[in-house]
Amino acid sequence: MATPEFDLNDIKRRMQGAVSSLSKDLGSLRTGRATPSLLDPIQVDAYGSMMPMAQVATVSVPEPRLLSISVWDRSMVTAVEKAIRESDLGLNPQTEGQTIRLRIPEMNEQRRKEMVKVAHKYTEEARVAVRHVRRDGLDHLKKLLKDSAISEDDEKRQATDVQKATDQYIAEIDGVLASKEKEIMQV
């Protein structure tokens, strides 16, 4: 049985996945500014099953502090409204026909600090995911070395490349956190 080759690009792709996941998680955090991704975690009870908001309505941002939700099926308006009320976002929907408007209230200082803590938690999870990928890569290299598929010099060189990739993605994660923290704390 042939030992699979070491693929640094696969390691980088998996690390990039952690960064993408972090960006998605941070996008759903409320910052006091309206963004369609704010409603991504909301599931609507539609036609007997739970569906994401994007599958029953169109979300737009007509103003910086206003979300407009155009529900496609008139019979789903109350279900969408109920899902928004039951979410932990603290938003109060105002219905006008098939359109639901959500005013995004100003956040107080305490709420902003809570959001920053949540952002830090998401960021630490992303860092841990990147470190797990690094560990998997280094374990694979050690196995290749043990099986005499690569030399010690190759193993050290590739381990250095894995560490450089890890450092690069950790720095990217820290940059994403810094910009989100700035956005959250902006009054």
N, C-alpha and C. Protein backbone atom coordinates (compact mmCIF):
# COMPACT_ATOMS: atom_id res chain seq x y z
N MET A 1 0.85 -1.19 0.00
CA MET A 1 0.00 0.00 0.00
C MET A 1 0.89 1.25 0.00
N ALA A 2 0.66 2.13 -0.94
CA ALA A 2 1.47 3.35 -1.07
C ALA A 2 1.03 4.38 -0.04
N THR A 3 2.00 5.05 0.57
CA THR A 3 1.71 6.10 1.53
C THR A 3 1.34 7.37 0.76
N PRO A 4 0.23 8.03 1.13
CA PRO A 4 -0.15 9.25 0.41
C PRO A 4 0.91 10.34 0.59
N GLU A 5 1.12 11.11 -0.46
CA GLU A 5 2.09 12.20 -0.43
C GLU A 5 1.60 13.31 0.50
N PHE A 6 2.53 14.10 0.98
CA PHE A 6 2.20 15.26 1.81
C PHE A 6 1.79 16.41 0.89
N ASP A 7 0.65 17.05 1.20
CA ASP A 7 0.13 18.12 0.35
C ASP A 7 -0.05 19.39 1.18
N LEU A 8 0.89 20.33 1.06
CA LEU A 8 0.82 21.59 1.80
C LEU A 8 -0.39 22.41 1.37
N ASN A 9 -0.76 22.33 0.10
CA ASN A 9 -1.93 23.09 -0.38
C ASN A 9 -3.21 22.63 0.29
N ASP A 10 -3.31 21.33 0.58
CA ASP A 10 -4.49 20.81 1.29
C ASP A 10 -4.52 21.37 2.71
N ILE A 11 -3.36 21.43 3.35
CA ILE A 11 -3.26 22.01 4.70
C ILE A 11 -3.72 23.47 4.67
N LYS A 12 -3.22 24.23 3.69
CA LYS A 12 -3.60 25.64 3.58
C LYS A 12 -5.09 25.79 3.29
N ARG A 13 -5.65 24.91 2.46
CA ARG A 13 -7.08 24.97 2.14
C ARG A 13 -7.91 24.75 3.39
N ARG A 14 -7.50 23.78 4.22
CA ARG A 14 -8.24 23.50 5.45
C ARG A 14 -8.13 24.66 6.43
N MET A 15 -6.95 25.28 6.49
CA MET A 15 -6.77 26.45 7.37
C MET A 15 -7.63 27.62 6.87
N GLN A 16 -7.68 27.80 5.55
CA GLN A 16 -8.51 28.86 4.98
C GLN A 16 -9.98 28.62 5.31
N GLY A 17 -10.38 27.36 5.39
CA GLY A 17 -11.76 27.01 5.77
C GLY A 17 -12.08 27.52 7.17
N ALA A 18 -11.13 27.43 8.08
CA ALA A 18 -11.34 27.94 9.45
C ALA A 18 -11.52 29.45 9.42
N VAL A 19 -10.74 30.15 8.59
CA VAL A 19 -10.85 31.61 8.47
C VAL A 19 -12.21 31.98 7.88
N SER A 20 -12.65 31.25 6.85
CA SER A 20 -13.94 31.51 6.22
C SER A 20 -15.09 31.28 7.21
N SER A 21 -14.98 30.22 7.97
CA SER A 21 -15.99 29.92 8.98
C SER A 21 -16.06 31.04 10.02
N LEU A 22 -14.91 31.54 10.44
CA LEU A 22 -14.86 32.65 11.39
C LEU A 22 -15.54 33.89 10.82
N SER A 23 -15.23 34.20 9.56
CA SER A 23 -15.83 35.37 8.93
C SER A 23 -17.35 35.25 8.90
N LYS A 24 -17.84 34.05 8.62
CA LYS A 24 -19.29 33.82 8.59
C LYS A 24 -19.89 33.99 9.99
N ASP A 25 -19.22 33.40 10.99
CA ASP A 25 -19.71 33.52 12.37
C ASP A 25 -19.73 34.98 12.82
N LEU A 26 -18.66 35.71 12.53
CA LEU A 26 -18.60 37.12 12.95
C LEU A 26 -19.62 37.97 12.18
N GLY A 27 -19.92 37.58 10.96
CA GLY A 27 -20.91 38.31 10.16
C GLY A 27 -22.30 38.26 10.76
N SER A 28 -22.57 37.20 11.52
CA SER A 28 -23.90 37.08 12.12
C SER A 28 -23.99 37.79 13.47
N LEU A 29 -22.89 38.38 13.94
CA LEU A 29 -22.92 39.14 15.20
C LEU A 29 -23.54 40.52 14.97
N ARG A 30 -24.38 40.92 15.88
CA ARG A 30 -25.01 42.23 15.75
C ARG A 30 -24.04 43.33 16.14
N THR A 31 -23.90 44.32 15.30
CA THR A 31 -22.96 45.40 15.58
C THR A 31 -23.65 46.75 15.72
N GLY A 32 -24.95 46.79 15.56
CA GLY A 32 -25.64 48.08 15.58
C GLY A 32 -25.85 48.58 14.16
N ARG A 33 -25.24 47.90 13.20
CA ARG A 33 -25.41 48.25 11.80
C ARG A 33 -26.16 47.09 11.13
N ALA A 34 -27.05 47.41 10.21
CA ALA A 34 -27.86 46.39 9.55
C ALA A 34 -27.03 45.65 8.50
N THR A 35 -27.04 44.32 8.57
CA THR A 35 -26.44 43.48 7.54
C THR A 35 -27.35 42.27 7.33
N PRO A 36 -27.53 41.84 6.08
CA PRO A 36 -28.38 40.67 5.83
C PRO A 36 -27.90 39.42 6.55
N SER A 37 -26.60 39.28 6.77
CA SER A 37 -26.07 38.09 7.43
C SER A 37 -26.51 37.99 8.89
N LEU A 38 -27.04 39.08 9.43
CA LEU A 38 -27.56 39.08 10.80
C LEU A 38 -28.68 38.05 10.95
N LEU A 39 -29.43 37.80 9.87
CA LEU A 39 -30.57 36.89 9.93
C LEU A 39 -30.21 35.47 9.50
N ASP A 40 -28.95 35.21 9.14
CA ASP A 40 -28.54 33.87 8.69
C ASP A 40 -28.85 32.75 9.68
N PRO A 41 -28.65 32.96 10.99
CA PRO A 41 -28.92 31.85 11.91
C PRO A 41 -30.40 31.54 12.12
N ILE A 42 -31.29 32.42 11.67
CA ILE A 42 -32.72 32.24 11.91
C ILE A 42 -33.30 31.17 10.98
N GLN A 43 -34.01 30.22 11.58
CA GLN A 43 -34.69 29.16 10.84
C GLN A 43 -36.20 29.42 10.92
N VAL A 44 -36.89 29.32 9.77
CA VAL A 44 -38.33 29.58 9.69
C VAL A 44 -39.06 28.25 9.53
N ASP A 45 -40.15 28.08 10.29
CA ASP A 45 -40.98 26.89 10.16
C ASP A 45 -41.84 27.06 8.91
N ALA A 46 -41.39 26.49 7.79
CA ALA A 46 -42.08 26.68 6.52
C ALA A 46 -42.45 25.34 5.92
N TYR A 47 -43.70 25.18 5.60
CA TYR A 47 -44.20 23.98 4.93
C TYR A 47 -43.83 22.70 5.67
N GLY A 48 -43.88 22.76 6.99
CA GLY A 48 -43.65 21.58 7.80
C GLY A 48 -42.19 21.26 8.10
N SER A 49 -41.26 22.11 7.68
CA SER A 49 -39.85 21.87 8.01
C SER A 49 -39.17 23.21 8.30
N MET A 50 -38.02 23.13 8.94
CA MET A 50 -37.28 24.34 9.27
C MET A 50 -36.39 24.72 8.08
N MET A 51 -36.50 25.98 7.65
CA MET A 51 -35.73 26.46 6.50
C MET A 51 -34.99 27.73 6.88
N PRO A 52 -33.82 27.97 6.26
CA PRO A 52 -33.13 29.24 6.49
C PRO A 52 -33.93 30.40 5.91
N MET A 53 -33.75 31.56 6.49
CA MET A 53 -34.46 32.77 6.06
C MET A 53 -34.29 33.00 4.55
N ALA A 54 -33.10 32.75 4.03
CA ALA A 54 -32.80 33.02 2.62
C ALA A 54 -33.64 32.17 1.67
N GLN A 55 -34.26 31.08 2.16
CA GLN A 55 -35.05 30.22 1.30
C GLN A 55 -36.53 30.59 1.28
N VAL A 56 -36.93 31.57 2.10
CA VAL A 56 -38.34 31.98 2.11
C VAL A 56 -38.53 33.48 1.84
N ALA A 57 -37.42 34.24 1.84
CA ALA A 57 -37.54 35.69 1.69
C ALA A 57 -36.24 36.29 1.17
N THR A 58 -36.36 37.53 0.70
CA THR A 58 -35.20 38.31 0.27
C THR A 58 -34.94 39.37 1.33
N VAL A 59 -33.69 39.46 1.79
CA VAL A 59 -33.33 40.44 2.81
C VAL A 59 -32.49 41.53 2.16
N SER A 60 -32.90 42.79 2.37
CA SER A 60 -32.14 43.92 1.82
C SER A 60 -31.89 44.95 2.92
N VAL A 61 -30.98 45.87 2.64
CA VAL A 61 -30.61 46.92 3.60
C VAL A 61 -30.85 48.28 2.95
N PRO A 62 -32.08 48.83 3.08
CA PRO A 62 -32.35 50.13 2.47
C PRO A 62 -31.68 51.30 3.20
N GLU A 63 -31.45 51.16 4.50
CA GLU A 63 -30.81 52.19 5.32
C GLU A 63 -29.79 51.51 6.24
N PRO A 64 -28.83 52.27 6.78
CA PRO A 64 -27.81 51.65 7.65
C PRO A 64 -28.37 50.94 8.89
N ARG A 65 -29.52 51.36 9.39
CA ARG A 65 -30.09 50.74 10.59
C ARG A 65 -31.44 50.08 10.32
N LEU A 66 -31.67 49.65 9.08
CA LEU A 66 -32.95 49.04 8.74
C LEU A 66 -32.75 47.84 7.82
N LEU A 67 -33.41 46.73 8.17
CA LEU A 67 -33.44 45.56 7.29
C LEU A 67 -34.85 45.45 6.74
N SER A 68 -34.96 45.15 5.46
CA SER A 68 -36.25 44.95 4.81
C SER A 68 -36.31 43.52 4.32
N ILE A 69 -37.32 42.78 4.75
CA ILE A 69 -37.47 41.38 4.37
C ILE A 69 -38.71 41.24 3.51
N SER A 70 -38.52 40.83 2.26
CA SER A 70 -39.65 40.61 1.34
C SER A 70 -39.93 39.12 1.30
N VAL A 71 -41.04 38.73 1.94
CA VAL A 71 -41.41 37.31 2.00
C VAL A 71 -42.07 36.94 0.67
N TRP A 72 -41.64 35.82 0.08
CA TRP A 72 -42.13 35.44 -1.23
C TRP A 72 -43.57 34.94 -1.20
N ASP A 73 -43.91 34.16 -0.18
CA ASP A 73 -45.25 33.58 -0.09
C ASP A 73 -46.00 34.29 1.04
N ARG A 74 -47.14 34.90 0.68
CA ARG A 74 -47.92 35.67 1.65
C ARG A 74 -48.26 34.86 2.90
N SER A 75 -48.50 33.55 2.73
CA SER A 75 -48.87 32.70 3.87
C SER A 75 -47.70 32.49 4.85
N MET A 76 -46.48 32.84 4.43
CA MET A 76 -45.30 32.63 5.28
C MET A 76 -44.94 33.86 6.12
N VAL A 77 -45.63 34.98 5.92
CA VAL A 77 -45.27 36.22 6.62
C VAL A 77 -45.31 36.03 8.14
N THR A 78 -46.37 35.42 8.65
CA THR A 78 -46.47 35.25 10.10
C THR A 78 -45.40 34.30 10.63
N ALA A 79 -45.06 33.26 9.86
CA ALA A 79 -44.02 32.32 10.30
C ALA A 79 -42.65 33.02 10.36
N VAL A 80 -42.36 33.87 9.38
CA VAL A 80 -41.10 34.61 9.36
C VAL A 80 -41.06 35.58 10.55
N GLU A 81 -42.16 36.28 10.76
CA GLU A 81 -42.25 37.23 11.87
C GLU A 81 -42.05 36.51 13.21
N LYS A 82 -42.68 35.36 13.36
CA LYS A 82 -42.55 34.57 14.59
C LYS A 82 -41.10 34.11 14.80
N ALA A 83 -40.46 33.66 13.73
CA ALA A 83 -39.07 33.20 13.83
C ALA A 83 -38.15 34.33 14.28
N ILE A 84 -38.40 35.54 13.77
CA ILE A 84 -37.58 36.70 14.16
C ILE A 84 -37.81 37.04 15.62
N ARG A 85 -39.07 37.05 16.05
CA ARG A 85 -39.38 37.36 17.45
C ARG A 85 -38.76 36.34 18.40
N GLU A 86 -38.77 35.06 18.02
CA GLU A 86 -38.26 34.00 18.89
C GLU A 86 -36.74 33.88 18.87
N SER A 87 -36.10 34.52 17.89
CA SER A 87 -34.63 34.48 17.86
C SER A 87 -34.11 35.33 19.02
N ASP A 88 -32.85 35.13 19.39
CA ASP A 88 -32.29 35.89 20.50
C ASP A 88 -31.63 37.19 20.04
N LEU A 89 -32.07 37.70 18.89
CA LEU A 89 -31.48 38.93 18.36
C LEU A 89 -32.07 40.19 19.00
N GLY A 90 -33.22 40.06 19.64
CA GLY A 90 -33.83 41.21 20.29
C GLY A 90 -34.39 42.23 19.30
N LEU A 91 -34.86 41.76 18.15
CA LEU A 91 -35.41 42.66 17.13
C LEU A 91 -36.93 42.57 17.13
N ASN A 92 -37.59 43.71 16.82
CA ASN A 92 -39.03 43.77 16.81
C ASN A 92 -39.52 44.00 15.38
N PRO A 93 -40.06 42.97 14.72
CA PRO A 93 -40.50 43.13 13.33
C PRO A 93 -41.77 43.96 13.19
N GLN A 94 -41.81 44.76 12.13
CA GLN A 94 -43.01 45.55 11.79
C GLN A 94 -43.46 45.09 10.41
N THR A 95 -44.67 44.55 10.32
CA THR A 95 -45.15 43.96 9.08
C THR A 95 -46.02 44.94 8.30
N GLU A 96 -45.76 45.00 7.00
CA GLU A 96 -46.57 45.80 6.07
C GLU A 96 -46.81 44.94 4.85
N GLY A 97 -47.92 44.20 4.83
CA GLY A 97 -48.21 43.30 3.72
C GLY A 97 -47.23 42.14 3.71
N GLN A 98 -46.48 41.98 2.59
CA GLN A 98 -45.49 40.90 2.49
C GLN A 98 -44.09 41.38 2.86
N THR A 99 -43.98 42.62 3.33
CA THR A 99 -42.68 43.18 3.70
C THR A 99 -42.60 43.31 5.22
N ILE A 100 -41.49 42.86 5.76
CA ILE A 100 -41.24 43.00 7.20
C ILE A 100 -40.04 43.92 7.35
N ARG A 101 -40.18 44.92 8.19
CA ARG A 101 -39.09 45.86 8.43
C ARG A 101 -38.54 45.62 9.84
N LEU A 102 -37.22 45.66 9.94
CA LEU A 102 -36.55 45.49 11.23
C LEU A 102 -35.65 46.68 11.48
N ARG A 103 -35.97 47.48 12.48
CA ARG A 103 -35.10 48.58 12.90
C ARG A 103 -34.03 47.99 13.81
N ILE A 104 -32.79 48.32 13.53
CA ILE A 104 -31.68 47.85 14.36
C ILE A 104 -31.39 48.93 15.39
N PRO A 105 -31.69 48.64 16.67
CA PRO A 105 -31.47 49.67 17.70
C PRO A 105 -29.99 49.89 18.00
N GLU A 106 -29.70 51.08 18.55
CA GLU A 106 -28.33 51.37 19.01
C GLU A 106 -27.97 50.39 20.12
N MET A 107 -26.72 50.00 20.16
CA MET A 107 -26.28 49.11 21.23
C MET A 107 -25.61 49.95 22.32
N ASN A 108 -25.88 49.58 23.58
CA ASN A 108 -25.23 50.29 24.67
C ASN A 108 -23.82 49.72 24.89
N GLU A 109 -23.04 50.38 25.72
CA GLU A 109 -21.64 50.00 25.93
C GLU A 109 -21.50 48.57 26.46
N GLN A 110 -22.37 48.20 27.40
CA GLN A 110 -22.30 46.85 27.98
C GLN A 110 -22.57 45.79 26.91
N ARG A 111 -23.57 46.01 26.06
CA ARG A 111 -23.91 45.06 25.00
C ARG A 111 -22.76 44.96 23.99
N ARG A 112 -22.12 46.08 23.69
CA ARG A 112 -20.97 46.06 22.77
C ARG A 112 -19.84 45.19 23.34
N LYS A 113 -19.58 45.34 24.64
CA LYS A 113 -18.52 44.55 25.27
C LYS A 113 -18.87 43.06 25.25
N GLU A 114 -20.15 42.73 25.44
CA GLU A 114 -20.58 41.33 25.36
C GLU A 114 -20.35 40.78 23.96
N MET A 115 -20.65 41.58 22.94
CA MET A 115 -20.45 41.15 21.55
C MET A 115 -18.96 40.94 21.26
N VAL A 116 -18.11 41.79 21.83
CA VAL A 116 -16.66 41.63 21.63
C VAL A 116 -16.20 40.31 22.26
N LYS A 117 -16.75 39.96 23.44
CA LYS A 117 -16.40 38.69 24.08
C LYS A 117 -16.81 37.51 23.20
N VAL A 118 -17.99 37.59 22.61
CA VAL A 118 -18.46 36.52 21.71
C VAL A 118 -17.54 36.43 20.49
N ALA A 119 -17.14 37.58 19.97
CA ALA A 119 -16.22 37.61 18.82
C ALA A 119 -14.89 36.95 19.19
N HIS A 120 -14.41 37.22 20.39
CA HIS A 120 -13.15 36.60 20.85
C HIS A 120 -13.31 35.08 20.96
N LYS A 121 -14.49 34.63 21.42
CA LYS A 121 -14.73 33.19 21.54
C LYS A 121 -14.69 32.54 20.16
N TYR A 122 -15.38 33.13 19.19
CA TYR A 122 -15.36 32.60 17.82
C TYR A 122 -13.94 32.57 17.26
N THR A 123 -13.19 33.63 17.56
CA THR A 123 -11.81 33.73 17.06
C THR A 123 -10.94 32.64 17.66
N GLU A 124 -11.09 32.39 18.95
CA GLU A 124 -10.28 31.34 19.58
C GLU A 124 -10.62 29.97 18.99
N GLU A 125 -11.91 29.74 18.70
CA GLU A 125 -12.30 28.48 18.06
C GLU A 125 -11.62 28.33 16.69
N ALA A 126 -11.53 29.43 15.94
CA ALA A 126 -10.87 29.39 14.63
C ALA A 126 -9.38 29.12 14.78
N ARG A 127 -8.75 29.75 15.78
CA ARG A 127 -7.32 29.50 16.02
C ARG A 127 -7.08 28.03 16.35
N VAL A 128 -7.95 27.48 17.20
CA VAL A 128 -7.82 26.07 17.59
C VAL A 128 -7.97 25.18 16.35
N ALA A 129 -8.92 25.51 15.47
CA ALA A 129 -9.12 24.73 14.25
C ALA A 129 -7.86 24.75 13.38
N VAL A 130 -7.24 25.92 13.26
CA VAL A 130 -6.00 26.04 12.47
C VAL A 130 -4.90 25.20 13.12
N ARG A 131 -4.82 25.23 14.44
CA ARG A 131 -3.78 24.45 15.13
C ARG A 131 -4.01 22.95 14.97
N HIS A 132 -5.28 22.54 14.93
CA HIS A 132 -5.59 21.12 14.69
C HIS A 132 -5.12 20.70 13.30
N VAL A 133 -5.33 21.56 12.32
CA VAL A 133 -4.86 21.26 10.97
C VAL A 133 -3.34 21.15 10.95
N ARG A 134 -2.67 22.07 11.67
CA ARG A 134 -1.21 22.01 11.76
C ARG A 134 -0.76 20.69 12.37
N ARG A 135 -1.41 20.30 13.47
CA ARG A 135 -1.07 19.04 14.14
C ARG A 135 -1.25 17.86 13.19
N ASP A 136 -2.37 17.84 12.44
CA ASP A 136 -2.61 16.77 11.47
C ASP A 136 -1.50 16.71 10.43
N GLY A 137 -1.10 17.88 9.94
CA GLY A 137 -0.03 17.94 8.95
C GLY A 137 1.30 17.44 9.49
N LEU A 138 1.63 17.87 10.72
CA LEU A 138 2.90 17.44 11.32
C LEU A 138 2.88 15.94 11.64
N ASP A 139 1.74 15.43 12.08
CA ASP A 139 1.61 13.99 12.33
C ASP A 139 1.81 13.20 11.05
N HIS A 140 1.24 13.71 9.96
CA HIS A 140 1.38 13.05 8.66
C HIS A 140 2.86 13.03 8.24
N LEU A 141 3.54 14.16 8.45
CA LEU A 141 4.97 14.22 8.12
C LEU A 141 5.78 13.22 8.95
N LYS A 142 5.46 13.12 10.24
CA LYS A 142 6.18 12.17 11.10
C LYS A 142 5.94 10.73 10.65
N LYS A 143 4.73 10.46 10.22
CA LYS A 143 4.41 9.11 9.73
C LYS A 143 5.19 8.82 8.46
N LEU A 144 5.27 9.80 7.56
CA LEU A 144 6.04 9.61 6.32
C LEU A 144 7.52 9.38 6.64
N LEU A 145 8.03 10.12 7.63
CA LEU A 145 9.43 9.95 8.03
C LEU A 145 9.65 8.56 8.63
N LYS A 146 8.74 8.12 9.48
CA LYS A 146 8.82 6.81 10.12
C LYS A 146 8.78 5.69 9.08
N ASP A 147 7.94 5.88 8.06
CA ASP A 147 7.81 4.88 6.99
C ASP A 147 8.92 5.00 5.95
N SER A 148 9.87 5.91 6.19
CA SER A 148 11.00 6.17 5.29
C SER A 148 10.55 6.62 3.90
N ALA A 149 9.40 7.32 3.83
CA ALA A 149 8.91 7.84 2.55
C ALA A 149 9.58 9.18 2.24
N ILE A 150 10.05 9.88 3.29
CA ILE A 150 10.76 11.15 3.09
C ILE A 150 11.98 11.17 4.01
N SER A 151 12.94 12.05 3.68
CA SER A 151 14.14 12.16 4.51
C SER A 151 13.88 13.11 5.68
N GLU A 152 14.80 13.10 6.65
CA GLU A 152 14.66 13.99 7.81
C GLU A 152 14.70 15.45 7.37
N ASP A 153 15.56 15.75 6.40
CA ASP A 153 15.66 17.13 5.92
C ASP A 153 14.34 17.58 5.28
N ASP A 154 13.73 16.71 4.47
CA ASP A 154 12.44 17.04 3.85
C ASP A 154 11.37 17.24 4.92
N GLU A 155 11.40 16.37 5.92
CA GLU A 155 10.40 16.47 7.00
C GLU A 155 10.54 17.80 7.73
N LYS A 156 11.78 18.20 8.04
CA LYS A 156 12.00 19.47 8.74
C LYS A 156 11.60 20.66 7.87
N ARG A 157 11.96 20.61 6.58
CA ARG A 157 11.63 21.70 5.67
C ARG A 157 10.10 21.84 5.53
N GLN A 158 9.42 20.71 5.36
CA GLN A 158 7.96 20.77 5.20
C GLN A 158 7.28 21.14 6.52
N ALA A 159 7.83 20.72 7.65
CA ALA A 159 7.28 21.12 8.95
C ALA A 159 7.40 22.64 9.12
N THR A 160 8.51 23.20 8.65
CA THR A 160 8.69 24.66 8.69
C THR A 160 7.65 25.35 7.82
N ASP A 161 7.38 24.78 6.63
CA ASP A 161 6.36 25.34 5.74
C ASP A 161 4.98 25.30 6.39
N VAL A 162 4.68 24.19 7.09
CA VAL A 162 3.39 24.07 7.79
C VAL A 162 3.29 25.14 8.87
N GLN A 163 4.38 25.36 9.61
CA GLN A 163 4.37 26.37 10.67
C GLN A 163 4.20 27.77 10.09
N LYS A 164 4.85 28.05 8.95
CA LYS A 164 4.70 29.36 8.30
C LYS A 164 3.25 29.57 7.88
N ALA A 165 2.63 28.55 7.33
CA ALA A 165 1.22 28.64 6.92
C ALA A 165 0.34 28.88 8.15
N THR A 166 0.64 28.17 9.24
CA THR A 166 -0.12 28.35 10.48
C THR A 166 -0.01 29.78 10.97
N ASP A 167 1.21 30.31 11.01
CA ASP A 167 1.42 31.69 11.46
C ASP A 167 0.67 32.67 10.56
N GLN A 168 0.69 32.42 9.26
CA GLN A 168 -0.01 33.30 8.30
C GLN A 168 -1.52 33.32 8.57
N TYR A 169 -2.11 32.14 8.77
CA TYR A 169 -3.56 32.09 8.97
C TYR A 169 -3.97 32.59 10.35
N ILE A 170 -3.13 32.38 11.36
CA ILE A 170 -3.42 32.93 12.69
C ILE A 170 -3.40 34.46 12.61
N ALA A 171 -2.43 35.02 11.88
CA ALA A 171 -2.36 36.48 11.70
C ALA A 171 -3.59 36.98 10.95
N GLU A 172 -4.05 36.24 9.95
CA GLU A 172 -5.26 36.62 9.21
C GLU A 172 -6.48 36.59 10.13
N ILE A 173 -6.56 35.58 10.99
CA ILE A 173 -7.67 35.48 11.95
C ILE A 173 -7.64 36.68 12.90
N ASP A 174 -6.45 37.04 13.39
CA ASP A 174 -6.32 38.19 14.29
C ASP A 174 -6.75 39.49 13.60
N GLY A 175 -6.43 39.60 12.30
CA GLY A 175 -6.84 40.78 11.53
C GLY A 175 -8.34 40.87 11.38
N VAL A 176 -8.98 39.72 11.13
CA VAL A 176 -10.44 39.68 11.01
C VAL A 176 -11.08 40.10 12.33
N LEU A 177 -10.53 39.59 13.45
CA LEU A 177 -11.05 39.96 14.78
C LEU A 177 -10.88 41.45 15.03
N ALA A 178 -9.72 41.99 14.71
CA ALA A 178 -9.47 43.41 14.97
C ALA A 178 -10.46 44.29 14.22
N SER A 179 -10.73 43.97 12.96
CA SER A 179 -11.67 44.80 12.20
C SER A 179 -13.09 44.65 12.74
N LYS A 180 -13.47 43.43 13.16
CA LYS A 180 -14.82 43.23 13.70
C LYS A 180 -14.96 43.93 15.05
N GLU A 181 -13.92 43.87 15.87
CA GLU A 181 -13.94 44.53 17.17
C GLU A 181 -14.10 46.04 16.98
N LYS A 182 -13.39 46.59 16.02
CA LYS A 182 -13.49 48.03 15.72
C LYS A 182 -14.92 48.38 15.28
N GLU A 183 -15.49 47.51 14.43
CA GLU A 183 -16.87 47.72 13.95
C GLU A 183 -17.87 47.68 15.09
N ILE A 184 -17.70 46.71 16.02
CA ILE A 184 -18.62 46.57 17.14
C ILE A 184 -18.53 47.76 18.09
N MET A 185 -17.33 48.21 18.38
CA MET A 185 -17.15 49.29 19.35
C MET A 185 -17.43 50.68 18.78
N GLN A 186 -17.57 50.77 17.46
CA GLN A 186 -17.86 52.06 16.83
C GLN A 186 -19.26 52.53 17.21
N VAL A 187 -19.35 53.75 17.70
CA VAL A 187 -20.64 54.29 18.15
C VAL A 187 -21.29 55.09 17.04
